[in-house]
């Protein structure tokens, strides 16, 4: 007698089990995808902070260090360094045809006076003649890049004691005034035009940057602190990444 087999489909229970497993797998894959996208976005935000900060600091260091540079046979410029404020300075130097650089990082031509200051949330270098260059640009509609939140300067002043002019420390302006001992005694912001201007030996700079991009996963326990130690308004819940950078720059030939 021939045995007759009946093909049977899934039972309802088997179907529900299979559906549940499929849904769980789909959920796991979706979660992995979302986490990967979030990690990639955070990495992008970190990268842009690092690169923009590194560029701004490197340009500050190179440009400010040139203050007062002159060939051996040239006199020290009287206005080698002008502390305009705690947010702006001007440097003067003489090009040497090779090492000295302008705001754009190109070889400087002739005597140069460059002013570094914040302008509309940008960190800008402006030559006495020519076009200004934004080292940190003001935010635009693209949402990319970073924003300059704070920029502060203080100046290392050599207050003495007086040394022999032959040591070549500082600039006596040709009248035998205090030349100092080439050692920074205090960091401050001298008044523009004060006698201390010529005795500036170094500059301390502080920048606070934040990303224009936001991410819901960026959580902070409190407000971010600026260069002066004050809380930055709304920084604790704006979902942006911040970075504070500091550098001390010694002036050439000072």
C-alpha atoms as a PDB file:
ATOM      1  CA  UNK A   1       0.000   0.000   0.000  1.00  0.00           C
ATOM      2  CA  UNK A   2       1.463   3.355  -1.038  1.00  0.00           C
ATOM      3  CA  UNK A   3       2.072   5.831   1.777  1.00  0.00           C
ATOM      4  CA  UNK A   4       0.618   9.267   1.063  1.00  0.00           C
ATOM      5  CA  UNK A   5       2.563  12.246   2.531  1.00  0.00           C
ATOM      6  CA  UNK A   6       0.915  15.578   3.109  1.00  0.00           C
ATOM      7  CA  UNK A   7       3.043  18.764   2.787  1.00  0.00           C
ATOM      8  CA  UNK A   8       2.509  20.981   5.770  1.00  0.00           C
ATOM      9  CA  UNK A   9       3.345  24.733   6.090  1.00  0.00           C
ATOM     10  CA  UNK A  10       4.500  26.641   9.157  1.00  0.00           C
ATOM     11  CA  UNK A  11       2.278  26.587  12.127  1.00  0.00           C
ATOM     12  CA  UNK A  12       1.155  29.895  13.544  1.00  0.00           C
ATOM     13  CA  UNK A  13       3.578  29.532  16.463  1.00  0.00           C
ATOM     14  CA  UNK A  14       6.503  28.818  14.143  1.00  0.00           C
ATOM     15  CA  UNK A  15       5.578  31.808  12.015  1.00  0.00           C
ATOM     16  CA  UNK A  16       5.425  34.107  15.066  1.00  0.00           C
ATOM     17  CA  UNK A  17       8.813  32.848  16.293  1.00  0.00           C
ATOM     18  CA  UNK A  18      10.401  33.423  12.885  1.00  0.00           C
ATOM     19  CA  UNK A  19       8.852  36.909  12.663  1.00  0.00           C
ATOM     20  CA  UNK A  20      10.121  37.808  16.127  1.00  0.00           C
ATOM     21  CA  UNK A  21      13.655  36.663  15.301  1.00  0.00           C
ATOM     22  CA  UNK A  22      13.590  38.658  12.050  1.00  0.00           C
ATOM     23  CA  UNK A  23      12.387  41.787  13.816  1.00  0.00           C
ATOM     24  CA  UNK A  24      15.081  41.461  16.500  1.00  0.00           C
ATOM     25  CA  UNK A  25      17.752  41.019  13.829  1.00  0.00           C
ATOM     26  CA  UNK A  26      16.475  44.045  11.944  1.00  0.00           C
ATOM     27  CA  UNK A  27      16.451  46.085  15.160  1.00  0.00           C
ATOM     28  CA  UNK A  28      20.043  45.065  15.947  1.00  0.00           C
ATOM     29  CA  UNK A  29      21.224  45.971  12.452  1.00  0.00           C
ATOM     30  CA  UNK A  30      19.403  49.318  12.603  1.00  0.00           C
ATOM     31  CA  UNK A  31      20.921  50.092  16.000  1.00  0.00           C
ATOM     32  CA  UNK A  32      24.384  49.229  14.715  1.00  0.00           C
ATOM     33  CA  UNK A  33      23.869  51.460  11.687  1.00  0.00           C
ATOM     34  CA  UNK A  34      22.655  54.400  13.774  1.00  0.00           C
ATOM     35  CA  UNK A  35      25.531  54.015  16.237  1.00  0.00           C
ATOM     36  CA  UNK A  36      28.015  53.920  13.364  1.00  0.00           C
ATOM     37  CA  UNK A  37      26.563  57.074  11.860  1.00  0.00           C
ATOM     38  CA  UNK A  38      26.647  58.843  15.223  1.00  0.00           C
ATOM     39  CA  UNK A  39      30.241  57.773  15.848  1.00  0.00           C
ATOM     40  CA  UNK A  40      31.238  58.987  12.399  1.00  0.00           C
ATOM     41  CA  UNK A  41      29.567  62.357  13.009  1.00  0.00           C
ATOM     42  CA  UNK A  42      31.277  62.776  16.377  1.00  0.00           C
ATOM     43  CA  UNK A  43      34.609  61.834  14.825  1.00  0.00           C
ATOM     44  CA  UNK A  44      34.052  64.424  12.111  1.00  0.00           C
ATOM     45  CA  UNK A  45      33.309  67.070  14.744  1.00  0.00           C
ATOM     46  CA  UNK A  46      36.467  66.143  16.667  1.00  0.00           C
ATOM     47  CA  UNK A  47      38.570  66.190  13.515  1.00  0.00           C
ATOM     48  CA  UNK A  48      37.451  69.644  12.449  1.00  0.00           C
ATOM     49  CA  UNK A  49      38.178  71.032  15.933  1.00  0.00           C
ATOM     50  CA  UNK A  50      41.648  69.492  15.885  1.00  0.00           C
ATOM     51  CA  UNK A  51      42.559  70.660  12.390  1.00  0.00           C
ATOM     52  CA  UNK A  52      41.190  74.199  12.734  1.00  0.00           C
ATOM     53  CA  UNK A  53      42.782  74.615  16.163  1.00  0.00           C
ATOM     54  CA  UNK A  54      46.133  73.269  14.996  1.00  0.00           C
ATOM     55  CA  UNK A  55      46.159  75.641  12.017  1.00  0.00           C
ATOM     56  CA  UNK A  56      45.239  78.722  14.076  1.00  0.00           C
ATOM     57  CA  UNK A  57      47.868  77.987  16.736  1.00  0.00           C
ATOM     58  CA  UNK A  58      50.586  77.307  14.160  1.00  0.00           C
ATOM     59  CA  UNK A  59      49.858  80.577  12.328  1.00  0.00           C
ATOM     60  CA  UNK A  60      49.812  82.509  15.606  1.00  0.00           C
ATOM     61  CA  UNK A  61      53.123  81.005  16.681  1.00  0.00           C
ATOM     62  CA  UNK A  62      54.895  81.698  13.418  1.00  0.00           C
ATOM     63  CA  UNK A  63      53.518  85.199  12.887  1.00  0.00           C
ATOM     64  CA  UNK A  64      53.900  86.534  16.438  1.00  0.00           C
ATOM     65  CA  UNK A  65      57.393  85.055  16.822  1.00  0.00           C
ATOM     66  CA  UNK A  66      58.515  87.240  13.906  1.00  0.00           C
ATOM     67  CA  UNK A  67      57.887  90.450  15.865  1.00  0.00           C
ATOM     68  CA  UNK A  68      61.017  92.567  15.912  1.00  0.00           C
ATOM     69  CA  UNK A  69      62.971  90.433  13.468  1.00  0.00           C
ATOM     70  CA  UNK A  70      65.490  92.361  11.401  1.00  0.00           C
ATOM     71  CA  UNK A  71      68.734  91.553   9.589  1.00  0.00           C
ATOM     72  CA  UNK A  72      71.893  91.969  11.660  1.00  0.00           C
ATOM     73  CA  UNK A  73      72.674  95.303  10.039  1.00  0.00           C
ATOM     74  CA  UNK A  74      69.167  96.760  10.577  1.00  0.00           C
ATOM     75  CA  UNK A  75      67.827  98.604  13.609  1.00  0.00           C
ATOM     76  CA  UNK A  76      65.123  97.109  15.825  1.00  0.00           C
ATOM     77  CA  UNK A  77      61.732  98.485  14.744  1.00  0.00           C
ATOM     78  CA  UNK A  78      60.326 100.807  17.382  1.00  0.00           C
ATOM     79  CA  UNK A  79      56.867  99.222  17.021  1.00  0.00           C
ATOM     80  CA  UNK A  80      58.020  95.599  16.953  1.00  0.00           C
ATOM     81  CA  UNK A  81      55.053  94.665  19.141  1.00  0.00           C
ATOM     82  CA  UNK A  82      51.953  96.705  19.896  1.00  0.00           C
ATOM     83  CA  UNK A  83      49.542  95.325  22.469  1.00  0.00           C
ATOM     84  CA  UNK A  84      46.348  96.888  21.134  1.00  0.00           C
ATOM     85  CA  UNK A  85      44.217  95.066  23.739  1.00  0.00           C
ATOM     86  CA  UNK A  86      43.723  91.604  25.209  1.00  0.00           C
ATOM     87  CA  UNK A  87      42.079  90.645  21.899  1.00  0.00           C
ATOM     88  CA  UNK A  88      44.301  92.375  19.355  1.00  0.00           C
ATOM     89  CA  UNK A  89      48.015  92.825  18.666  1.00  0.00           C
ATOM     90  CA  UNK A  90      50.208  94.170  15.887  1.00  0.00           C
ATOM     91  CA  UNK A  91      53.654  92.851  14.982  1.00  0.00           C
ATOM     92  CA  UNK A  92      56.308  94.502  12.859  1.00  0.00           C
ATOM     93  CA  UNK A  93      59.292  92.802  11.249  1.00  0.00           C
ATOM     94  CA  UNK A  94      61.653  93.022   8.299  1.00  0.00           C
ATOM     95  CA  UNK A  95      61.520  90.334   5.632  1.00  0.00           C
ATOM     96  CA  UNK A  96      64.637  88.307   4.947  1.00  0.00           C
ATOM     97  CA  UNK A  97      63.548  86.913   1.603  1.00  0.00           C
ATOM     98  CA  UNK A  98      63.016  83.396   2.917  1.00  0.00           C
ATOM     99  CA  UNK A  99      61.927  82.725   6.518  1.00  0.00           C
ATOM    100  CA  UNK A 100      59.578  85.612   7.330  1.00  0.00           C
ATOM    101  CA  UNK A 101      55.936  84.980   6.406  1.00  0.00           C
ATOM    102  CA  UNK A 102      52.847  87.098   5.823  1.00  0.00           C
ATOM    103  CA  UNK A 103      49.237  86.511   6.929  1.00  0.00           C
ATOM    104  CA  UNK A 104      48.688  83.869   4.252  1.00  0.00           C
ATOM    105  CA  UNK A 105      51.883  82.007   5.105  1.00  0.00           C
ATOM    106  CA  UNK A 106      53.674  83.220   1.976  1.00  0.00           C
ATOM    107  CA  UNK A 107      57.177  84.681   1.946  1.00  0.00           C
ATOM    108  CA  UNK A 108      56.931  88.265   3.177  1.00  0.00           C
ATOM    109  CA  UNK A 109      57.964  91.097   0.898  1.00  0.00           C
ATOM    110  CA  UNK A 110      59.452  94.245   2.428  1.00  0.00           C
ATOM    111  CA  UNK A 111      58.808  95.473   5.940  1.00  0.00           C
ATOM    112  CA  UNK A 112      55.594  94.049   7.374  1.00  0.00           C
ATOM    113  CA  UNK A 113      53.082  95.183   9.988  1.00  0.00           C
ATOM    114  CA  UNK A 114      50.425  92.549  10.682  1.00  0.00           C
ATOM    115  CA  UNK A 115      47.459  92.949  13.028  1.00  0.00           C
ATOM    116  CA  UNK A 116      45.817  89.878  14.579  1.00  0.00           C
ATOM    117  CA  UNK A 117      42.369  90.371  16.104  1.00  0.00           C
ATOM    118  CA  UNK A 118      38.853  88.969  16.385  1.00  0.00           C
ATOM    119  CA  UNK A 119      36.386  90.300  13.827  1.00  0.00           C
ATOM    120  CA  UNK A 120      32.775  89.045  13.822  1.00  0.00           C
ATOM    121  CA  UNK A 121      33.603  85.654  15.401  1.00  0.00           C
ATOM    122  CA  UNK A 122      36.608  85.239  13.094  1.00  0.00           C
ATOM    123  CA  UNK A 123      40.317  85.259  13.961  1.00  0.00           C
ATOM    124  CA  UNK A 124      41.740  87.594  11.339  1.00  0.00           C
ATOM    125  CA  UNK A 125      45.232  88.619  10.280  1.00  0.00           C
ATOM    126  CA  UNK A 126      45.334  91.981   8.497  1.00  0.00           C
ATOM    127  CA  UNK A 127      48.451  93.389   6.816  1.00  0.00           C
ATOM    128  CA  UNK A 128      49.096  97.140   6.620  1.00  0.00           C
ATOM    129  CA  UNK A 129      48.914  96.714   2.837  1.00  0.00           C
ATOM    130  CA  UNK A 130      46.997  93.911   1.138  1.00  0.00           C
ATOM    131  CA  UNK A 131      44.142  91.559   1.891  1.00  0.00           C
ATOM    132  CA  UNK A 132      43.152  90.202   5.301  1.00  0.00           C
ATOM    133  CA  UNK A 133      43.155  86.446   5.933  1.00  0.00           C
ATOM    134  CA  UNK A 134      40.766  84.655   8.299  1.00  0.00           C
ATOM    135  CA  UNK A 135      42.642  81.941  10.197  1.00  0.00           C
ATOM    136  CA  UNK A 136      39.346  80.962  11.830  1.00  0.00           C
ATOM    137  CA  UNK A 137      36.411  81.981   9.638  1.00  0.00           C
ATOM    138  CA  UNK A 138      33.079  83.310  10.869  1.00  0.00           C
ATOM    139  CA  UNK A 139      30.246  80.710  10.790  1.00  0.00           C
ATOM    140  CA  UNK A 140      28.431  80.291   7.490  1.00  0.00           C
ATOM    141  CA  UNK A 141      25.185  78.677   6.384  1.00  0.00           C
ATOM    142  CA  UNK A 142      26.837  75.344   5.567  1.00  0.00           C
ATOM    143  CA  UNK A 143      27.085  74.348   9.227  1.00  0.00           C
ATOM    144  CA  UNK A 144      30.626  73.061   8.707  1.00  0.00           C
ATOM    145  CA  UNK A 145      33.811  74.258  10.358  1.00  0.00           C
ATOM    146  CA  UNK A 146      34.213  75.834  13.775  1.00  0.00           C
ATOM    147  CA  UNK A 147      33.377  79.076  15.514  1.00  0.00           C
ATOM    148  CA  UNK A 148      35.765  81.225  17.541  1.00  0.00           C
ATOM    149  CA  UNK A 149      34.084  81.647  20.924  1.00  0.00           C
ATOM    150  CA  UNK A 150      36.899  83.408  22.783  1.00  0.00           C
ATOM    151  CA  UNK A 151      40.357  84.832  22.059  1.00  0.00           C
ATOM    152  CA  UNK A 152      42.524  86.398  24.772  1.00  0.00           C
ATOM    153  CA  UNK A 153      46.077  87.699  24.858  1.00  0.00           C
ATOM    154  CA  UNK A 154      48.524  88.625  27.591  1.00  0.00           C
ATOM    155  CA  UNK A 155      52.019  89.942  27.104  1.00  0.00           C
ATOM    156  CA  UNK A 156      55.200  88.903  28.877  1.00  0.00           C
ATOM    157  CA  UNK A 157      56.932  92.120  29.937  1.00  0.00           C
ATOM    158  CA  UNK A 158      60.567  92.485  30.982  1.00  0.00           C
ATOM    159  CA  UNK A 159      60.610  95.160  33.697  1.00  0.00           C
ATOM    160  CA  UNK A 160      64.331  95.012  34.452  1.00  0.00           C
ATOM    161  CA  UNK A 161      66.834  95.324  35.918  1.00  0.00           C
ATOM    162  CA  UNK A 162      68.706  97.365  33.350  1.00  0.00           C
ATOM    163  CA  UNK A 163      71.585  95.702  31.529  1.00  0.00           C
ATOM    164  CA  UNK A 164      74.390  96.900  29.314  1.00  0.00           C
ATOM    165  CA  UNK A 165      73.152  97.934  25.855  1.00  0.00           C
ATOM    166  CA  UNK A 166      75.750  95.639  24.304  1.00  0.00           C
ATOM    167  CA  UNK A 167      73.667  92.645  25.398  1.00  0.00           C
ATOM    168  CA  UNK A 168      71.104  93.707  22.809  1.00  0.00           C
ATOM    169  CA  UNK A 169      68.018  92.973  24.893  1.00  0.00           C
ATOM    170  CA  UNK A 170      65.063  95.030  23.813  1.00  0.00           C
ATOM    171  CA  UNK A 171      65.117  98.476  22.221  1.00  0.00           C
ATOM    172  CA  UNK A 172      66.439 101.574  23.933  1.00  0.00           C
ATOM    173  CA  UNK A 173      64.917 103.816  21.229  1.00  0.00           C
ATOM    174  CA  UNK A 174      68.295 105.516  20.989  1.00  0.00           C
ATOM    175  CA  UNK A 175      67.930 107.385  24.285  1.00  0.00           C
ATOM    176  CA  UNK A 176      69.526 104.954  26.750  1.00  0.00           C
ATOM    177  CA  UNK A 177      66.248 103.999  28.451  1.00  0.00           C
ATOM    178  CA  UNK A 178      65.777 100.703  30.312  1.00  0.00           C
ATOM    179  CA  UNK A 179      66.679  97.706  28.172  1.00  0.00           C
ATOM    180  CA  UNK A 180      65.900  94.973  30.696  1.00  0.00           C
ATOM    181  CA  UNK A 181      67.546  91.588  31.250  1.00  0.00           C
ATOM    182  CA  UNK A 182      65.625  89.560  28.624  1.00  0.00           C
ATOM    183  CA  UNK A 183      63.577  87.750  31.302  1.00  0.00           C
ATOM    184  CA  UNK A 184      59.771  87.981  31.477  1.00  0.00           C
ATOM    185  CA  UNK A 185      58.767  89.340  34.886  1.00  0.00           C
ATOM    186  CA  UNK A 186      54.996  89.651  34.506  1.00  0.00           C
ATOM    187  CA  UNK A 187      52.200  88.879  32.030  1.00  0.00           C
ATOM    188  CA  UNK A 188      49.786  91.760  31.515  1.00  0.00           C
ATOM    189  CA  UNK A 189      48.168  93.960  28.862  1.00  0.00           C
ATOM    190  CA  UNK A 190      50.140  97.219  28.697  1.00  0.00           C
ATOM    191  CA  UNK A 191      48.327 100.363  27.636  1.00  0.00           C
ATOM    192  CA  UNK A 192      48.817 101.201  23.980  1.00  0.00           C
ATOM    193  CA  UNK A 193      51.727 103.610  23.675  1.00  0.00           C
ATOM    194  CA  UNK A 194      53.129 102.804  27.125  1.00  0.00           C
ATOM    195  CA  UNK A 195      56.885 102.549  27.665  1.00  0.00           C
ATOM    196  CA  UNK A 196      56.421  98.841  28.465  1.00  0.00           C
ATOM    197  CA  UNK A 197      55.539  98.067  24.847  1.00  0.00           C
ATOM    198  CA  UNK A 198      59.155  97.848  23.779  1.00  0.00           C
ATOM    199  CA  UNK A 199      59.910  95.425  26.627  1.00  0.00           C
ATOM    200  CA  UNK A 200      57.410  92.750  25.554  1.00  0.00           C
ATOM    201  CA  UNK A 201      59.360  89.498  25.232  1.00  0.00           C
ATOM    202  CA  UNK A 202      56.583  86.931  24.708  1.00  0.00           C
ATOM    203  CA  UNK A 203      52.855  86.537  24.145  1.00  0.00           C
ATOM    204  CA  UNK A 204      50.363  84.133  25.692  1.00  0.00           C
ATOM    205  CA  UNK A 205      47.349  83.333  23.532  1.00  0.00           C
ATOM    206  CA  UNK A 206      44.181  81.442  24.402  1.00  0.00           C
ATOM    207  CA  UNK A 207      41.459  80.328  21.995  1.00  0.00           C
ATOM    208  CA  UNK A 208      38.145  78.592  22.575  1.00  0.00           C
ATOM    209  CA  UNK A 209      36.631  76.904  19.530  1.00  0.00           C
ATOM    210  CA  UNK A 210      33.339  75.089  19.094  1.00  0.00           C
ATOM    211  CA  UNK A 211      31.852  73.114  16.258  1.00  0.00           C
ATOM    212  CA  UNK A 212      29.078  74.531  14.123  1.00  0.00           C
ATOM    213  CA  UNK A 213      27.708  70.978  13.862  1.00  0.00           C
ATOM    214  CA  UNK A 214      25.616  69.578  16.699  1.00  0.00           C
ATOM    215  CA  UNK A 215      24.828  66.034  17.823  1.00  0.00           C
ATOM    216  CA  UNK A 216      22.183  64.806  20.307  1.00  0.00           C
ATOM    217  CA  UNK A 217      24.728  62.508  21.973  1.00  0.00           C
ATOM    218  CA  UNK A 218      26.914  65.425  23.113  1.00  0.00           C
ATOM    219  CA  UNK A 219      26.045  65.833  26.780  1.00  0.00           C
ATOM    220  CA  UNK A 220      27.832  68.045  29.326  1.00  0.00           C
ATOM    221  CA  UNK A 221      27.604  68.089  33.099  1.00  0.00           C
ATOM    222  CA  UNK A 222      28.065  71.849  33.202  1.00  0.00           C
ATOM    223  CA  UNK A 223      28.934  74.960  31.228  1.00  0.00           C
ATOM    224  CA  UNK A 224      32.194  75.173  29.294  1.00  0.00           C
ATOM    225  CA  UNK A 225      34.720  77.714  30.633  1.00  0.00           C
ATOM    226  CA  UNK A 226      36.258  80.435  28.459  1.00  0.00           C
ATOM    227  CA  UNK A 227      39.821  81.838  28.555  1.00  0.00           C
ATOM    228  CA  UNK A 228      38.995  84.082  31.514  1.00  0.00           C
ATOM    229  CA  UNK A 229      37.448  81.237  33.516  1.00  0.00           C
ATOM    230  CA  UNK A 230      33.857  82.397  32.985  1.00  0.00           C
ATOM    231  CA  UNK A 231      31.003  80.116  31.925  1.00  0.00           C
ATOM    232  CA  UNK A 232      30.018  80.272  28.253  1.00  0.00           C
ATOM    233  CA  UNK A 233      26.276  80.911  28.049  1.00  0.00           C
ATOM    234  CA  UNK A 234      24.144  77.908  27.011  1.00  0.00           C
ATOM    235  CA  UNK A 235      27.239  75.768  26.384  1.00  0.00           C
ATOM    236  CA  UNK A 236      26.014  73.024  28.727  1.00  0.00           C
ATOM    237  CA  UNK A 237      23.074  72.089  26.494  1.00  0.00           C
ATOM    238  CA  UNK A 238      23.895  73.303  22.969  1.00  0.00           C
ATOM    239  CA  UNK A 239      25.033  69.805  21.834  1.00  0.00           C
ATOM    240  CA  UNK A 240      28.307  71.193  20.414  1.00  0.00           C
ATOM    241  CA  UNK A 241      31.901  70.164  21.032  1.00  0.00           C
ATOM    242  CA  UNK A 242      34.348  72.720  22.465  1.00  0.00           C
ATOM    243  CA  UNK A 243      38.121  72.925  22.669  1.00  0.00           C
ATOM    244  CA  UNK A 244      40.355  75.348  24.582  1.00  0.00           C
ATOM    245  CA  UNK A 245      43.873  75.885  23.269  1.00  0.00           C
ATOM    246  CA  UNK A 246      46.750  77.820  24.821  1.00  0.00           C
ATOM    247  CA  UNK A 247      50.227  78.697  23.611  1.00  0.00           C
ATOM    248  CA  UNK A 248      53.137  80.885  24.753  1.00  0.00           C
ATOM    249  CA  UNK A 249      55.194  82.455  21.983  1.00  0.00           C
ATOM    250  CA  UNK A 250      58.698  83.851  22.421  1.00  0.00           C
ATOM    251  CA  UNK A 251      59.536  86.823  20.208  1.00  0.00           C
ATOM    252  CA  UNK A 252      62.532  86.675  17.887  1.00  0.00           C
ATOM    253  CA  UNK A 253      65.478  88.954  18.627  1.00  0.00           C
ATOM    254  CA  UNK A 254      63.959  90.120  21.856  1.00  0.00           C
END
